[in-house]
Amino acid sequence: MVSKRVISDVFNKVSEKYDIFLDLVTLGLINRWQKTLISMLSEEGNRLDIGTGTGEVLVKSNNRGLKVGIDLAKGMLIKAKKKCKECYFVLADAENLPFKEGSFNTITLSLVYRHLLNKEAFLSEANRVLKPGGQIGILDLSKSKMTYPLFILFKYILKPLGVLLFGPDKWEFFVHSIENSLSKEELARETKKFGFELVDYKESFFGLVMFAVFKKPS
């Protein structure tokens, strides 16, 4: 059974090779995708990056305020701090954010949302720490007719390389996370329960990747 401890352990163990991993599984498109997400968001104020990993979203971010990243994996944060000296990184849980109400203008999640074990708890916390009119930007896999072929690709065709680089257990963790992908409609329904409105949406890579921006009421 997947738990926060398992997730933390997996990402700690892959932290040294995580950037290589992302390049591999996105066919080198991760930088373009992250820049697309950032371009859809307001540049104003403070930004919080959830599951920040090695800090790449914050490195690319052009917001004018504070840049803060949280992650469950200490190994990821160590790498992130080396990349972004002006950023602040905190070992923290997305379901229990250690920040005051109305602290941020934007929240980003890059290939993270599907890994959240309690999405409702996160959305409640996001609503609390966002300023009125604040945005959540989500880059993730989208459930579509191409999801199953993608699963087969990673499960069988890319498995030998993935296992060689990261080990069998960690590779299987990432492969099976594909099954947690949501459609645009499912994601919109989840976020709407907490008052968020879908204000911008794009797709890429044959509909397998989505970029969604949600707004908290002003």
C-alpha atoms as a PDB file:
ATOM      1  CA  MET A   1       0.000   0.000   0.000  1.00  0.00           C
ATOM      2  CA  VAL A   2       1.288   3.463  -0.930  1.00  0.00           C
ATOM      3  CA  SER A   3       1.783   5.787   2.036  1.00  0.00           C
ATOM      4  CA  LYS A   4       3.494   9.130   2.547  1.00  0.00           C
ATOM      5  CA  ARG A   5       6.453   7.259   3.993  1.00  0.00           C
ATOM      6  CA  VAL A   6       6.705   5.141   0.837  1.00  0.00           C
ATOM      7  CA  ILE A   7       6.448   8.245  -1.373  1.00  0.00           C
ATOM      8  CA  SER A   8       9.115  10.036   0.657  1.00  0.00           C
ATOM      9  CA  ASP A   9      11.386   6.993   0.494  1.00  0.00           C
ATOM     10  CA  VAL A  10      10.965   6.591  -3.266  1.00  0.00           C
ATOM     11  CA  PHE A  11      11.727  10.226  -4.051  1.00  0.00           C
ATOM     12  CA  ASN A  12      14.645  10.362  -1.621  1.00  0.00           C
ATOM     13  CA  LYS A  13      16.227   7.377  -3.331  1.00  0.00           C
ATOM     14  CA  VAL A  14      15.813   8.789  -6.843  1.00  0.00           C
ATOM     15  CA  SER A  15      16.773  12.372  -5.948  1.00  0.00           C
ATOM     16  CA  GLU A  16      20.302  12.127  -7.398  1.00  0.00           C
ATOM     17  CA  LYS A  17      18.958  10.920 -10.757  1.00  0.00           C
ATOM     18  CA  TYR A  18      15.567  12.625 -10.724  1.00  0.00           C
ATOM     19  CA  ASP A  19      16.330  15.192 -13.417  1.00  0.00           C
ATOM     20  CA  ILE A  20      17.579  12.371 -15.671  1.00  0.00           C
ATOM     21  CA  PHE A  21      14.413  10.428 -14.867  1.00  0.00           C
ATOM     22  CA  LEU A  22      12.150  13.343 -15.833  1.00  0.00           C
ATOM     23  CA  ASP A  23      13.989  13.839 -19.100  1.00  0.00           C
ATOM     24  CA  LEU A  24      13.615  10.116 -19.825  1.00  0.00           C
ATOM     25  CA  VAL A  25       9.897   9.763 -19.076  1.00  0.00           C
ATOM     26  CA  THR A  26       8.938  13.038 -20.804  1.00  0.00           C
ATOM     27  CA  LEU A  27      11.167  12.433 -23.834  1.00  0.00           C
ATOM     28  CA  GLY A  28      13.022  15.636 -23.008  1.00  0.00           C
ATOM     29  CA  LEU A  29       9.861  17.776 -22.963  1.00  0.00           C
ATOM     30  CA  ILE A  30       9.655  18.543 -19.232  1.00  0.00           C
ATOM     31  CA  ASN A  31      11.331  21.959 -19.521  1.00  0.00           C
ATOM     32  CA  ARG A  32       8.927  23.064 -22.262  1.00  0.00           C
ATOM     33  CA  TRP A  33       5.944  21.791 -20.291  1.00  0.00           C
ATOM     34  CA  GLN A  34       6.973  23.583 -17.104  1.00  0.00           C
ATOM     35  CA  LYS A  35       7.519  26.817 -19.011  1.00  0.00           C
ATOM     36  CA  THR A  36       4.055  26.449 -20.548  1.00  0.00           C
ATOM     37  CA  LEU A  37       2.474  26.094 -17.105  1.00  0.00           C
ATOM     38  CA  ILE A  38       4.370  29.114 -15.769  1.00  0.00           C
ATOM     39  CA  SER A  39       3.319  31.227 -18.764  1.00  0.00           C
ATOM     40  CA  MET A  40      -0.346  30.576 -17.906  1.00  0.00           C
ATOM     41  CA  LEU A  41      -0.012  32.007 -14.385  1.00  0.00           C
ATOM     42  CA  SER A  42       0.096  35.502 -12.958  1.00  0.00           C
ATOM     43  CA  GLU A  43       3.568  36.908 -12.295  1.00  0.00           C
ATOM     44  CA  GLU A  44       2.348  38.806  -9.236  1.00  0.00           C
ATOM     45  CA  GLY A  45       3.308  38.018  -5.652  1.00  0.00           C
ATOM     46  CA  ASN A  46       4.441  34.897  -3.853  1.00  0.00           C
ATOM     47  CA  ARG A  47       4.549  31.409  -5.365  1.00  0.00           C
ATOM     48  CA  LEU A  48       4.368  28.025  -3.623  1.00  0.00           C
ATOM     49  CA  ASP A  49       5.537  24.942  -5.511  1.00  0.00           C
ATOM     50  CA  ILE A  50       4.113  21.672  -4.165  1.00  0.00           C
ATOM     51  CA  GLY A  51       6.289  18.568  -4.493  1.00  0.00           C
ATOM     52  CA  THR A  52       9.018  20.853  -5.756  1.00  0.00           C
ATOM     53  CA  GLY A  53      11.550  18.070  -6.316  1.00  0.00           C
ATOM     54  CA  THR A  54      14.833  19.613  -7.413  1.00  0.00           C
ATOM     55  CA  GLY A  55      13.204  23.046  -7.675  1.00  0.00           C
ATOM     56  CA  GLU A  56      12.996  23.339 -11.458  1.00  0.00           C
ATOM     57  CA  VAL A  57       9.612  25.093 -11.535  1.00  0.00           C
ATOM     58  CA  LEU A  58      10.836  27.785  -9.132  1.00  0.00           C
ATOM     59  CA  VAL A  59      14.102  28.179 -11.044  1.00  0.00           C
ATOM     60  CA  LYS A  60      12.052  28.945 -14.165  1.00  0.00           C
ATOM     61  CA  SER A  61       9.423  31.061 -12.374  1.00  0.00           C
ATOM     62  CA  ASN A  62       9.186  34.773 -13.111  1.00  0.00           C
ATOM     63  CA  ASN A  63       6.946  35.795 -10.216  1.00  0.00           C
ATOM     64  CA  ARG A  64       7.916  39.001  -8.443  1.00  0.00           C
ATOM     65  CA  GLY A  65       7.570  37.821  -4.857  1.00  0.00           C
ATOM     66  CA  LEU A  66       8.850  34.965  -2.722  1.00  0.00           C
ATOM     67  CA  LYS A  67       9.529  31.556  -4.236  1.00  0.00           C
ATOM     68  CA  VAL A  68       8.802  28.723  -1.810  1.00  0.00           C
ATOM     69  CA  GLY A  69       8.966  24.990  -2.466  1.00  0.00           C
ATOM     70  CA  ILE A  70       7.866  22.082  -0.284  1.00  0.00           C
ATOM     71  CA  ASP A  71       8.566  18.378  -0.597  1.00  0.00           C
ATOM     72  CA  LEU A  72       8.351  15.201   1.487  1.00  0.00           C
ATOM     73  CA  ALA A  73      11.824  14.135   0.333  1.00  0.00           C
ATOM     74  CA  LYS A  74      14.786  15.782   2.052  1.00  0.00           C
ATOM     75  CA  GLY A  75      17.121  14.555  -0.693  1.00  0.00           C
ATOM     76  CA  MET A  76      15.166  16.518  -3.275  1.00  0.00           C
ATOM     77  CA  LEU A  77      15.323  19.707  -1.214  1.00  0.00           C
ATOM     78  CA  ILE A  78      19.094  19.431  -0.813  1.00  0.00           C
ATOM     79  CA  LYS A  79      19.441  19.445  -4.595  1.00  0.00           C
ATOM     80  CA  ALA A  80      16.862  22.212  -4.978  1.00  0.00           C
ATOM     81  CA  LYS A  81      18.724  24.533  -2.603  1.00  0.00           C
ATOM     82  CA  LYS A  82      21.845  24.255  -4.760  1.00  0.00           C
ATOM     83  CA  LYS A  83      19.880  25.283  -7.855  1.00  0.00           C
ATOM     84  CA  CYS A  84      17.909  28.222  -6.488  1.00  0.00           C
ATOM     85  CA  LYS A  85      19.730  30.324  -3.903  1.00  0.00           C
ATOM     86  CA  GLU A  86      16.960  32.927  -3.682  1.00  0.00           C
ATOM     87  CA  CYS A  87      14.266  30.306  -3.069  1.00  0.00           C
ATOM     88  CA  TYR A  88      13.036  28.955   0.241  1.00  0.00           C
ATOM     89  CA  PHE A  89      12.585  25.204   0.633  1.00  0.00           C
ATOM     90  CA  VAL A  90      10.673  23.456   3.403  1.00  0.00           C
ATOM     91  CA  LEU A  91      10.273  19.781   4.297  1.00  0.00           C
ATOM     92  CA  ALA A  92       6.478  19.713   4.523  1.00  0.00           C
ATOM     93  CA  ASP A  93       3.254  17.925   3.611  1.00  0.00           C
ATOM     94  CA  ALA A  94       0.847  19.354   1.022  1.00  0.00           C
ATOM     95  CA  GLU A  95      -2.071  18.239   3.190  1.00  0.00           C
ATOM     96  CA  ASN A  96      -0.896  20.296   6.179  1.00  0.00           C
ATOM     97  CA  LEU A  97       0.836  23.413   4.877  1.00  0.00           C
ATOM     98  CA  PRO A  98       2.936  25.304   7.460  1.00  0.00           C
ATOM     99  CA  PHE A  99       1.951  28.754   6.189  1.00  0.00           C
ATOM    100  CA  LYS A 100      -0.429  31.496   7.268  1.00  0.00           C
ATOM    101  CA  GLU A 101      -3.752  32.164   5.614  1.00  0.00           C
ATOM    102  CA  GLY A 102      -3.447  34.190   2.405  1.00  0.00           C
ATOM    103  CA  SER A 103       0.330  33.783   2.064  1.00  0.00           C
ATOM    104  CA  PHE A 104       0.532  33.057  -1.666  1.00  0.00           C
ATOM    105  CA  ASN A 105      -0.705  34.364  -4.997  1.00  0.00           C
ATOM    106  CA  THR A 106      -0.007  31.191  -6.966  1.00  0.00           C
ATOM    107  CA  ILE A 107       0.485  27.496  -6.250  1.00  0.00           C
ATOM    108  CA  THR A 108       2.088  25.133  -8.760  1.00  0.00           C
ATOM    109  CA  LEU A 109       2.143  21.337  -9.026  1.00  0.00           C
ATOM    110  CA  SER A 110       4.303  19.797 -11.746  1.00  0.00           C
ATOM    111  CA  LEU A 111       3.614  16.062 -12.200  1.00  0.00           C
ATOM    112  CA  VAL A 112       2.578  15.942  -8.546  1.00  0.00           C
ATOM    113  CA  TYR A 113      -1.215  16.110  -8.269  1.00  0.00           C
ATOM    114  CA  ARG A 114      -1.815  12.453  -9.116  1.00  0.00           C
ATOM    115  CA  HIS A 115       0.566  11.411  -6.312  1.00  0.00           C
ATOM    116  CA  LEU A 116      -1.415  13.231  -3.585  1.00  0.00           C
ATOM    117  CA  LEU A 117      -3.030  10.693  -1.274  1.00  0.00           C
ATOM    118  CA  ASN A 118      -5.691  13.063   0.061  1.00  0.00           C
ATOM    119  CA  LYS A 119      -6.482  15.580  -2.648  1.00  0.00           C
ATOM    120  CA  GLU A 120      -9.376  17.072  -0.676  1.00  0.00           C
ATOM    121  CA  ALA A 121      -7.070  17.895   2.233  1.00  0.00           C
ATOM    122  CA  PHE A 122      -4.640  19.572  -0.149  1.00  0.00           C
ATOM    123  CA  LEU A 123      -7.365  21.598  -1.876  1.00  0.00           C
ATOM    124  CA  SER A 124      -8.659  22.752   1.491  1.00  0.00           C
ATOM    125  CA  GLU A 125      -5.160  23.862   2.476  1.00  0.00           C
ATOM    126  CA  ALA A 126      -4.613  25.509  -0.910  1.00  0.00           C
ATOM    127  CA  ASN A 127      -7.790  27.497  -0.451  1.00  0.00           C
ATOM    128  CA  ARG A 128      -6.560  28.612   2.982  1.00  0.00           C
ATOM    129  CA  VAL A 129      -3.046  29.754   2.006  1.00  0.00           C
ATOM    130  CA  LEU A 130      -4.013  31.395  -1.297  1.00  0.00           C
ATOM    131  CA  LYS A 131      -4.950  35.061  -1.401  1.00  0.00           C
ATOM    132  CA  PRO A 132      -8.397  35.923  -2.835  1.00  0.00           C
ATOM    133  CA  GLY A 133      -8.134  35.638  -6.610  1.00  0.00           C
ATOM    134  CA  GLY A 134      -5.095  33.374  -6.279  1.00  0.00           C
ATOM    135  CA  GLN A 135      -4.334  30.595  -8.763  1.00  0.00           C
ATOM    136  CA  ILE A 136      -3.458  26.911  -8.726  1.00  0.00           C
ATOM    137  CA  GLY A 137      -1.524  25.713 -11.778  1.00  0.00           C
ATOM    138  CA  ILE A 138      -1.424  21.966 -12.422  1.00  0.00           C
ATOM    139  CA  LEU A 139       0.773  20.170 -14.943  1.00  0.00           C
ATOM    140  CA  ASP A 140       0.085  16.442 -14.995  1.00  0.00           C
ATOM    141  CA  LEU A 141      -0.902  13.420 -17.030  1.00  0.00           C
ATOM    142  CA  SER A 142      -4.448  13.494 -18.346  1.00  0.00           C
ATOM    143  CA  LYS A 143      -6.724  10.486 -18.513  1.00  0.00           C
ATOM    144  CA  SER A 144      -7.449   9.939 -22.198  1.00  0.00           C
ATOM    145  CA  LYS A 145      -7.659   7.232 -24.834  1.00  0.00           C
ATOM    146  CA  MET A 146      -3.846   7.333 -24.924  1.00  0.00           C
ATOM    147  CA  THR A 147      -3.392   6.578 -21.213  1.00  0.00           C
ATOM    148  CA  TYR A 148      -3.422   2.794 -21.624  1.00  0.00           C
ATOM    149  CA  PRO A 149      -0.840   2.801 -24.468  1.00  0.00           C
ATOM    150  CA  LEU A 150       1.345   5.025 -22.278  1.00  0.00           C
ATOM    151  CA  PHE A 151       1.021   2.546 -19.413  1.00  0.00           C
ATOM    152  CA  ILE A 152       2.075  -0.310 -21.717  1.00  0.00           C
ATOM    153  CA  LEU A 153       5.041   1.728 -22.970  1.00  0.00           C
ATOM    154  CA  PHE A 154       6.397   2.291 -19.479  1.00  0.00           C
ATOM    155  CA  LYS A 155       5.330  -1.072 -18.074  1.00  0.00           C
ATOM    156  CA  TYR A 156       7.062  -3.161 -20.729  1.00  0.00           C
ATOM    157  CA  ILE A 157       9.025  -1.315 -23.407  1.00  0.00           C
ATOM    158  CA  LEU A 158      10.904   1.187 -21.226  1.00  0.00           C
ATOM    159  CA  LYS A 159      11.062  -1.118 -18.198  1.00  0.00           C
ATOM    160  CA  PRO A 160      14.603  -2.494 -18.766  1.00  0.00           C
ATOM    161  CA  LEU A 161      16.094   1.012 -18.915  1.00  0.00           C
ATOM    162  CA  GLY A 162      13.964   2.279 -16.033  1.00  0.00           C
ATOM    163  CA  VAL A 163      14.860  -0.649 -13.795  1.00  0.00           C
ATOM    164  CA  LEU A 164      18.550  -0.263 -14.665  1.00  0.00           C
ATOM    165  CA  LEU A 165      18.528   3.406 -13.672  1.00  0.00           C
ATOM    166  CA  PHE A 166      16.192   3.374 -10.671  1.00  0.00           C
ATOM    167  CA  GLY A 167      15.569  -0.214  -9.541  1.00  0.00           C
ATOM    168  CA  PRO A 168      12.429  -2.358  -9.989  1.00  0.00           C
ATOM    169  CA  ASP A 169      10.369  -1.101  -7.029  1.00  0.00           C
ATOM    170  CA  LYS A 170      10.836   2.574  -7.758  1.00  0.00           C
ATOM    171  CA  TRP A 171      10.157   2.099 -11.467  1.00  0.00           C
ATOM    172  CA  GLU A 172       6.924   0.220 -10.717  1.00  0.00           C
ATOM    173  CA  PHE A 173       5.835   3.028  -8.384  1.00  0.00           C
ATOM    174  CA  PHE A 174       6.082   5.574 -11.184  1.00  0.00           C
ATOM    175  CA  VAL A 175       4.485   3.280 -13.764  1.00  0.00           C
ATOM    176  CA  HIS A 176       1.435   2.579 -11.626  1.00  0.00           C
ATOM    177  CA  SER A 177       1.008   6.270 -10.779  1.00  0.00           C
ATOM    178  CA  ILE A 178      -0.186   6.646 -14.391  1.00  0.00           C
ATOM    179  CA  GLU A 179      -3.367   4.873 -13.304  1.00  0.00           C
ATOM    180  CA  ASN A 180      -4.121   7.791 -10.947  1.00  0.00           C
ATOM    181  CA  SER A 181      -4.427  10.267 -13.825  1.00  0.00           C
ATOM    182  CA  LEU A 182      -7.618  12.335 -14.000  1.00  0.00           C
ATOM    183  CA  SER A 183      -9.572  13.734 -16.919  1.00  0.00           C
ATOM    184  CA  LYS A 184     -10.208  17.463 -17.299  1.00  0.00           C
ATOM    185  CA  GLU A 185     -13.786  16.950 -16.103  1.00  0.00           C
ATOM    186  CA  GLU A 186     -12.784  14.908 -13.042  1.00  0.00           C
ATOM    187  CA  LEU A 187     -10.179  17.465 -12.024  1.00  0.00           C
ATOM    188  CA  ALA A 188     -12.639  20.341 -12.467  1.00  0.00           C
ATOM    189  CA  ARG A 189     -15.218  18.559 -10.291  1.00  0.00           C
ATOM    190  CA  GLU A 190     -12.693  17.927  -7.514  1.00  0.00           C
ATOM    191  CA  THR A 191     -11.473  21.508  -7.379  1.00  0.00           C
ATOM    192  CA  LYS A 192     -14.951  23.043  -7.691  1.00  0.00           C
ATOM    193  CA  LYS A 193     -15.913  21.515  -4.329  1.00  0.00           C
ATOM    194  CA  PHE A 194     -13.453  23.943  -2.742  1.00  0.00           C
ATOM    195  CA  GLY A 195     -14.552  26.979  -4.704  1.00  0.00           C
ATOM    196  CA  PHE A 196     -11.953  26.883  -7.472  1.00  0.00           C
ATOM    197  CA  GLU A 197     -12.960  27.763 -11.030  1.00  0.00           C
ATOM    198  CA  LEU A 198     -11.186  26.381 -14.101  1.00  0.00           C
ATOM    199  CA  VAL A 199     -10.034  29.489 -15.987  1.00  0.00           C
ATOM    200  CA  ASP A 200      -7.459  28.120 -18.442  1.00  0.00           C
ATOM    201  CA  TYR A 201      -6.728  24.696 -19.877  1.00  0.00           C
ATOM    202  CA  LYS A 202      -4.362  23.289 -22.495  1.00  0.00           C
ATOM    203  CA  GLU A 203      -3.255  19.856 -23.622  1.00  0.00           C
ATOM    204  CA  SER A 204      -0.068  18.526 -25.191  1.00  0.00           C
ATOM    205  CA  PHE A 205       1.476  15.306 -26.439  1.00  0.00           C
ATOM    206  CA  PHE A 206      -1.652  13.838 -28.041  1.00  0.00           C
ATOM    207  CA  GLY A 207      -3.806  14.788 -25.051  1.00  0.00           C
ATOM    208  CA  LEU A 208      -1.686  12.867 -22.550  1.00  0.00           C
ATOM    209  CA  VAL A 209      -0.455  15.982 -20.747  1.00  0.00           C
ATOM    210  CA  MET A 210      -2.663  18.718 -19.349  1.00  0.00           C
ATOM    211  CA  PHE A 211      -2.071  22.230 -18.073  1.00  0.00           C
ATOM    212  CA  ALA A 212      -4.908  23.506 -15.892  1.00  0.00           C
ATOM    213  CA  VAL A 213      -5.250  26.800 -14.043  1.00  0.00           C
ATOM    214  CA  PHE A 214      -7.851  27.235 -11.301  1.00  0.00           C
ATOM    215  CA  LYS A 215      -8.781  30.498  -9.595  1.00  0.00           C
ATOM    216  CA  LYS A 216      -9.918  31.144  -6.047  1.00  0.00           C
ATOM    217  CA  PRO A 217     -12.814  33.622  -5.885  1.00  0.00           C
ATOM    218  CA  SER A 218     -11.748  37.241  -5.279  1.00  0.00           C
END
